[in-house]
Amino acid sequence: MIKVVRGNPTPEELAAALAVVQARAAATASAAPGAPQPPEGWSDPARIARRALPRPGARTWARTYWPA
């Protein structure tokens, strides 16, 4: 059940909003229940570490803060 809390939407606006909600629900239901979902772009850890990390070695600790 959907309840309008604020505003006074027209029947067309309400129908458009319900169509979007139904489309999202159908897309979610069509996915396999046990299949892993790909990560969203903003939550992907690879976007944080753009550069490769320094390789382990004798002076690795120094290279983590001082660029070569």
Protein backbone atom coordinates (compact mmCIF):
# COMPACT_ATOMS: atom_id res chain seq x y z
CA MET A 1 0.00 0.00 0.00
CA ILE A 2 1.29 3.44 -0.89
CA LYS A 3 0.18 6.50 1.01
CA VAL A 4 0.73 10.12 -0.06
CA VAL A 5 2.01 11.95 3.02
CA ARG A 6 2.56 15.43 1.59
CA GLY A 7 1.36 17.26 -1.44
CA ASN A 8 -1.53 16.66 -3.74
CA PRO A 9 -0.33 14.65 -6.77
CA THR A 10 -2.42 14.50 -9.89
CA PRO A 11 -3.61 11.07 -11.02
CA GLU A 12 -0.99 11.16 -13.80
CA GLU A 13 1.85 11.91 -11.35
CA LEU A 14 0.70 9.14 -9.03
CA ALA A 15 0.45 6.68 -11.93
CA ALA A 16 3.98 7.58 -13.07
CA ALA A 17 5.38 7.07 -9.57
CA LEU A 18 3.64 3.71 -9.25
CA ALA A 19 4.94 2.62 -12.66
CA VAL A 20 8.51 3.30 -11.52
CA VAL A 21 8.01 1.38 -8.28
CA GLN A 22 6.48 -1.57 -10.14
CA ALA A 23 9.31 -1.62 -12.69
CA ARG A 24 11.94 -1.65 -9.93
CA ALA A 25 10.10 -4.45 -8.11
CA ALA A 26 9.85 -6.50 -11.30
CA ALA A 27 13.56 -6.03 -12.05
CA THR A 28 14.49 -7.12 -8.54
CA ALA A 29 12.18 -10.13 -8.65
CA SER A 30 13.53 -11.30 -12.02
CA ALA A 31 17.08 -11.58 -10.67
CA ALA A 32 18.10 -15.00 -9.40
CA PRO A 33 17.60 -15.19 -5.64
CA GLY A 34 21.09 -16.52 -4.86
CA ALA A 35 23.02 -14.61 -7.51
CA PRO A 36 25.44 -11.97 -6.21
CA GLN A 37 24.65 -8.44 -7.29
CA PRO A 38 27.40 -6.30 -8.83
CA PRO A 39 28.58 -3.49 -6.54
CA GLU A 40 27.32 0.01 -7.13
CA GLY A 41 29.86 2.46 -8.53
CA TRP A 42 30.00 4.65 -5.44
CA SER A 43 30.56 1.70 -3.10
CA ASP A 44 33.21 -0.02 -5.21
CA PRO A 45 36.45 -0.22 -3.16
CA ALA A 46 38.51 -0.07 -6.35
CA ARG A 47 37.64 3.60 -6.84
CA ILE A 48 39.43 4.50 -3.58
CA ALA A 49 42.72 2.77 -4.42
CA ARG A 50 43.44 4.17 -7.87
CA ARG A 51 47.20 3.56 -7.61
CA ALA A 52 48.86 0.25 -6.92
CA LEU A 53 50.04 -0.20 -3.37
CA PRO A 54 53.80 -0.38 -2.75
CA ARG A 55 55.30 -3.83 -2.86
CA PRO A 56 56.52 -5.30 0.42
CA GLY A 57 60.16 -4.69 1.13
CA ALA A 58 62.71 -3.17 3.47
CA ARG A 59 61.53 0.45 3.11
CA THR A 60 57.86 -0.07 2.32
CA TRP A 61 56.78 1.90 5.36
CA ALA A 62 58.63 4.97 4.07
CA ARG A 63 57.15 4.71 0.58
CA THR A 64 53.61 4.71 1.90
CA TYR A 65 53.87 8.39 2.85
CA TRP A 66 56.62 9.76 0.60
CA PRO A 67 55.99 9.43 -3.15
CA ALA A 68 58.93 8.13 -5.16
